[in-house]
Amino acid sequence: MDNELGRKIRVLRHKRDLTQQEIAYRTGISTPHISSIERGHRQPSLEYAIRIAEALGVPIGYFCEGADITSLPDDTSYGGPSDLPGYLQSFVMRESAQPYIAMAHRVSRLEKSDYEMLCAMIEIMTQRKKLRSMSEDSF
């Protein structure tokens, strides 16, 4: 399988001084999947390629054939797992955390009104669960 895309991702990742785990944290894609893409064993879906490009701070076009990756802008806007409290660092590095990280990534890209509506729905569901729990405890 052609490894040009994987090579570009690896070069960009190293240029940004990021680990595969940090890319996994930022994208919601598992570390083994990132590794497979970099080694050319897998090709990312368009959604995954977009997430990886965003995590690396480049437009998706940098992954296209012939794109020049030698003159990339510096990007220090993203923090990594080391910026998180210790208990969260250990959580995000676990493979079992990937579905939650992927969901958080999708939620973070919602428009503000959709995000606020989702938060309100979660709050209502949380309150209903508490009420049910309290009523079950009283019996």
C-alpha atoms as a PDB file:
ATOM      1  CA  MET A   1       0.000   0.000   0.000  1.00  0.00           C
ATOM      2  CA  ASP A   2       1.205   3.524  -0.804  1.00  0.00           C
ATOM      3  CA  ASN A   3       2.671   5.128   2.299  1.00  0.00           C
ATOM      4  CA  GLU A   4       2.971   8.740   1.088  1.00  0.00           C
ATOM      5  CA  LEU A   5       0.093   9.923   3.281  1.00  0.00           C
ATOM      6  CA  GLY A   6       1.415   8.084   6.332  1.00  0.00           C
ATOM      7  CA  ARG A   7       4.884   9.515   5.751  1.00  0.00           C
ATOM      8  CA  LYS A   8       3.496  13.055   5.559  1.00  0.00           C
ATOM      9  CA  ILE A   9       1.530  12.570   8.764  1.00  0.00           C
ATOM     10  CA  ARG A  10       4.608  11.213  10.560  1.00  0.00           C
ATOM     11  CA  VAL A  11       6.810  14.082   9.296  1.00  0.00           C
ATOM     12  CA  LEU A  12       4.251  16.672  10.399  1.00  0.00           C
ATOM     13  CA  ARG A  13       3.794  14.963  13.758  1.00  0.00           C
ATOM     14  CA  HIS A  14       7.544  14.961  14.381  1.00  0.00           C
ATOM     15  CA  LYS A  15       7.828  18.568  13.211  1.00  0.00           C
ATOM     16  CA  ARG A  16       5.155  19.475  15.773  1.00  0.00           C
ATOM     17  CA  ASP A  17       6.995  17.384  18.389  1.00  0.00           C
ATOM     18  CA  LEU A  18       3.892  15.288  19.067  1.00  0.00           C
ATOM     19  CA  THR A  19       3.506  11.637  19.967  1.00  0.00           C
ATOM     20  CA  GLN A  20       1.014   9.278  18.383  1.00  0.00           C
ATOM     21  CA  GLN A  21      -0.814   9.276  21.711  1.00  0.00           C
ATOM     22  CA  GLU A  22      -1.171  13.053  21.573  1.00  0.00           C
ATOM     23  CA  ILE A  23      -2.581  12.839  18.044  1.00  0.00           C
ATOM     24  CA  ALA A  24      -4.976  10.134  19.270  1.00  0.00           C
ATOM     25  CA  TYR A  25      -6.012  12.408  22.157  1.00  0.00           C
ATOM     26  CA  ARG A  26      -6.662  15.341  19.838  1.00  0.00           C
ATOM     27  CA  THR A  27      -8.521  13.365  17.175  1.00  0.00           C
ATOM     28  CA  GLY A  28     -10.393  10.639  19.031  1.00  0.00           C
ATOM     29  CA  ILE A  29      -8.674   8.068  16.803  1.00  0.00           C
ATOM     30  CA  SER A  30      -6.975   5.181  18.590  1.00  0.00           C
ATOM     31  CA  THR A  31      -3.183   5.181  18.867  1.00  0.00           C
ATOM     32  CA  PRO A  32      -2.880   1.795  17.073  1.00  0.00           C
ATOM     33  CA  HIS A  33      -4.973   3.187  14.205  1.00  0.00           C
ATOM     34  CA  ILE A  34      -2.720   6.270  13.956  1.00  0.00           C
ATOM     35  CA  SER A  35       0.306   3.959  13.909  1.00  0.00           C
ATOM     36  CA  SER A  36      -1.224   1.823  11.150  1.00  0.00           C
ATOM     37  CA  ILE A  37      -1.898   4.915   9.049  1.00  0.00           C
ATOM     38  CA  GLU A  38       1.663   6.188   9.495  1.00  0.00           C
ATOM     39  CA  ARG A  39       3.101   2.791   8.511  1.00  0.00           C
ATOM     40  CA  GLY A  40       0.889   2.644   5.425  1.00  0.00           C
ATOM     41  CA  HIS A  41      -1.095  -0.382   6.596  1.00  0.00           C
ATOM     42  CA  ARG A  42      -4.348   1.601   6.636  1.00  0.00           C
ATOM     43  CA  GLN A  43      -5.710   4.609   4.802  1.00  0.00           C
ATOM     44  CA  PRO A  44      -7.754   7.051   6.885  1.00  0.00           C
ATOM     45  CA  SER A  45     -11.323   7.903   6.002  1.00  0.00           C
ATOM     46  CA  LEU A  46     -11.906  11.487   4.940  1.00  0.00           C
ATOM     47  CA  GLU A  47     -13.263  12.273   8.420  1.00  0.00           C
ATOM     48  CA  TYR A  48     -10.138  10.839  10.061  1.00  0.00           C
ATOM     49  CA  ALA A  49      -7.841  12.681   7.624  1.00  0.00           C
ATOM     50  CA  ILE A  50      -9.618  15.947   8.470  1.00  0.00           C
ATOM     51  CA  ARG A  51      -9.272  15.283  12.211  1.00  0.00           C
ATOM     52  CA  ILE A  52      -5.576  14.485  11.824  1.00  0.00           C
ATOM     53  CA  ALA A  53      -4.999  17.621   9.740  1.00  0.00           C
ATOM     54  CA  GLU A  54      -6.747  19.725  12.397  1.00  0.00           C
ATOM     55  CA  ALA A  55      -4.688  18.117  15.161  1.00  0.00           C
ATOM     56  CA  LEU A  56      -1.507  18.893  13.247  1.00  0.00           C
ATOM     57  CA  GLY A  57      -2.618  22.463  12.505  1.00  0.00           C
ATOM     58  CA  VAL A  58      -2.563  22.160   8.721  1.00  0.00           C
ATOM     59  CA  PRO A  59      -5.198  22.295   6.009  1.00  0.00           C
ATOM     60  CA  ILE A  60      -6.280  18.925   4.621  1.00  0.00           C
ATOM     61  CA  GLY A  61      -4.610  19.904   1.339  1.00  0.00           C
ATOM     62  CA  TYR A  62      -1.189  19.208   2.823  1.00  0.00           C
ATOM     63  CA  PHE A  63      -1.994  15.516   2.560  1.00  0.00           C
ATOM     64  CA  CYS A  64      -2.651  15.748  -1.176  1.00  0.00           C
ATOM     65  CA  GLU A  65      -0.082  14.552  -3.677  1.00  0.00           C
ATOM     66  CA  GLY A  66       2.577  17.108  -4.434  1.00  0.00           C
ATOM     67  CA  ALA A  67       1.786  19.322  -1.456  1.00  0.00           C
ATOM     68  CA  ASP A  68       4.876  20.903   0.046  1.00  0.00           C
ATOM     69  CA  ILE A  69       5.326  20.103   3.729  1.00  0.00           C
ATOM     70  CA  THR A  70       8.685  21.805   4.189  1.00  0.00           C
ATOM     71  CA  SER A  71       7.334  25.311   4.791  1.00  0.00           C
ATOM     72  CA  LEU A  72       4.572  24.698   7.296  1.00  0.00           C
ATOM     73  CA  PRO A  73       3.581  27.389   9.770  1.00  0.00           C
ATOM     74  CA  ASP A  74       4.496  26.771  13.371  1.00  0.00           C
ATOM     75  CA  ASP A  75       1.536  25.751  15.475  1.00  0.00           C
ATOM     76  CA  THR A  76       1.653  25.935  19.217  1.00  0.00           C
ATOM     77  CA  SER A  77      -2.058  26.548  19.773  1.00  0.00           C
ATOM     78  CA  TYR A  78      -2.841  22.993  20.885  1.00  0.00           C
ATOM     79  CA  GLY A  79      -1.994  21.755  24.331  1.00  0.00           C
ATOM     80  CA  GLY A  80      -1.254  18.114  24.849  1.00  0.00           C
ATOM     81  CA  PRO A  81      -2.163  15.634  27.529  1.00  0.00           C
ATOM     82  CA  SER A  82       0.600  17.043  29.720  1.00  0.00           C
ATOM     83  CA  ASP A  83      -1.532  20.197  30.101  1.00  0.00           C
ATOM     84  CA  LEU A  84      -4.255  18.149  31.824  1.00  0.00           C
ATOM     85  CA  PRO A  85      -4.495  17.197  35.516  1.00  0.00           C
ATOM     86  CA  GLY A  86      -2.839  13.850  36.327  1.00  0.00           C
ATOM     87  CA  TYR A  87      -6.056  11.867  36.684  1.00  0.00           C
ATOM     88  CA  LEU A  88      -7.197  13.011  33.218  1.00  0.00           C
ATOM     89  CA  GLN A  89      -3.799  12.302  31.647  1.00  0.00           C
ATOM     90  CA  SER A  90      -4.005   8.654  32.651  1.00  0.00           C
ATOM     91  CA  PHE A  91      -7.620   8.449  31.436  1.00  0.00           C
ATOM     92  CA  VAL A  92      -7.054   9.902  27.955  1.00  0.00           C
ATOM     93  CA  MET A  93      -4.069   7.652  27.316  1.00  0.00           C
ATOM     94  CA  ARG A  94      -6.139   4.484  27.817  1.00  0.00           C
ATOM     95  CA  GLU A  95      -7.554   2.771  24.747  1.00  0.00           C
ATOM     96  CA  SER A  96     -10.923   2.507  26.536  1.00  0.00           C
ATOM     97  CA  ALA A  97     -11.137   6.319  26.588  1.00  0.00           C
ATOM     98  CA  GLN A  98     -11.148   6.627  22.790  1.00  0.00           C
ATOM     99  CA  PRO A  99     -14.952   6.525  22.285  1.00  0.00           C
ATOM    100  CA  TYR A 100     -15.388   9.302  24.866  1.00  0.00           C
ATOM    101  CA  ILE A 101     -12.638  11.398  23.303  1.00  0.00           C
ATOM    102  CA  ALA A 102     -14.134  10.911  19.845  1.00  0.00           C
ATOM    103  CA  MET A 103     -17.528  12.050  21.115  1.00  0.00           C
ATOM    104  CA  ALA A 104     -15.996  15.077  22.846  1.00  0.00           C
ATOM    105  CA  HIS A 105     -14.281  15.962  19.580  1.00  0.00           C
ATOM    106  CA  ARG A 106     -17.580  15.820  17.696  1.00  0.00           C
ATOM    107  CA  VAL A 107     -19.382  17.868  20.361  1.00  0.00           C
ATOM    108  CA  SER A 108     -16.642  20.508  20.349  1.00  0.00           C
ATOM    109  CA  ARG A 109     -17.282  21.122  16.644  1.00  0.00           C
ATOM    110  CA  LEU A 110     -21.012  21.835  17.038  1.00  0.00           C
ATOM    111  CA  GLU A 111     -22.418  25.278  16.428  1.00  0.00           C
ATOM    112  CA  LYS A 112     -22.987  27.205  19.643  1.00  0.00           C
ATOM    113  CA  SER A 113     -26.793  26.882  19.557  1.00  0.00           C
ATOM    114  CA  ASP A 114     -26.591  23.119  18.978  1.00  0.00           C
ATOM    115  CA  TYR A 115     -24.001  22.785  21.733  1.00  0.00           C
ATOM    116  CA  GLU A 116     -26.204  24.715  24.192  1.00  0.00           C
ATOM    117  CA  MET A 117     -29.238  22.601  23.289  1.00  0.00           C
ATOM    118  CA  LEU A 118     -27.234  19.404  23.818  1.00  0.00           C
ATOM    119  CA  CYS A 119     -26.013  20.649  27.212  1.00  0.00           C
ATOM    120  CA  ALA A 120     -29.589  21.485  28.227  1.00  0.00           C
ATOM    121  CA  MET A 121     -30.767  18.013  27.196  1.00  0.00           C
ATOM    122  CA  ILE A 122     -27.972  16.375  29.190  1.00  0.00           C
ATOM    123  CA  GLU A 123     -28.873  18.480  32.229  1.00  0.00           C
ATOM    124  CA  ILE A 124     -32.541  17.454  31.978  1.00  0.00           C
ATOM    125  CA  MET A 125     -31.608  13.785  31.627  1.00  0.00           C
ATOM    126  CA  THR A 126     -29.270  14.051  34.622  1.00  0.00           C
ATOM    127  CA  GLN A 127     -31.985  15.633  36.768  1.00  0.00           C
ATOM    128  CA  ARG A 128     -34.508  12.951  35.751  1.00  0.00           C
ATOM    129  CA  LYS A 129     -32.038  10.207  36.654  1.00  0.00           C
ATOM    130  CA  LYS A 130     -31.405  11.800  40.056  1.00  0.00           C
ATOM    131  CA  LEU A 131     -35.136  12.042  40.703  1.00  0.00           C
ATOM    132  CA  ARG A 132     -35.676   8.392  39.770  1.00  0.00           C
ATOM    133  CA  SER A 133     -32.769   7.359  41.938  1.00  0.00           C
ATOM    134  CA  MET A 134     -34.139   9.315  44.896  1.00  0.00           C
ATOM    135  CA  SER A 135     -37.632   7.852  44.481  1.00  0.00           C
ATOM    136  CA  GLU A 136     -36.212   4.295  44.313  1.00  0.00           C
ATOM    137  CA  ASP A 137     -34.166   4.910  47.463  1.00  0.00           C
ATOM    138  CA  SER A 138     -37.233   6.080  49.374  1.00  0.00           C
ATOM    139  CA  PHE A 139     -39.008   2.739  48.869  1.00  0.00           C
END
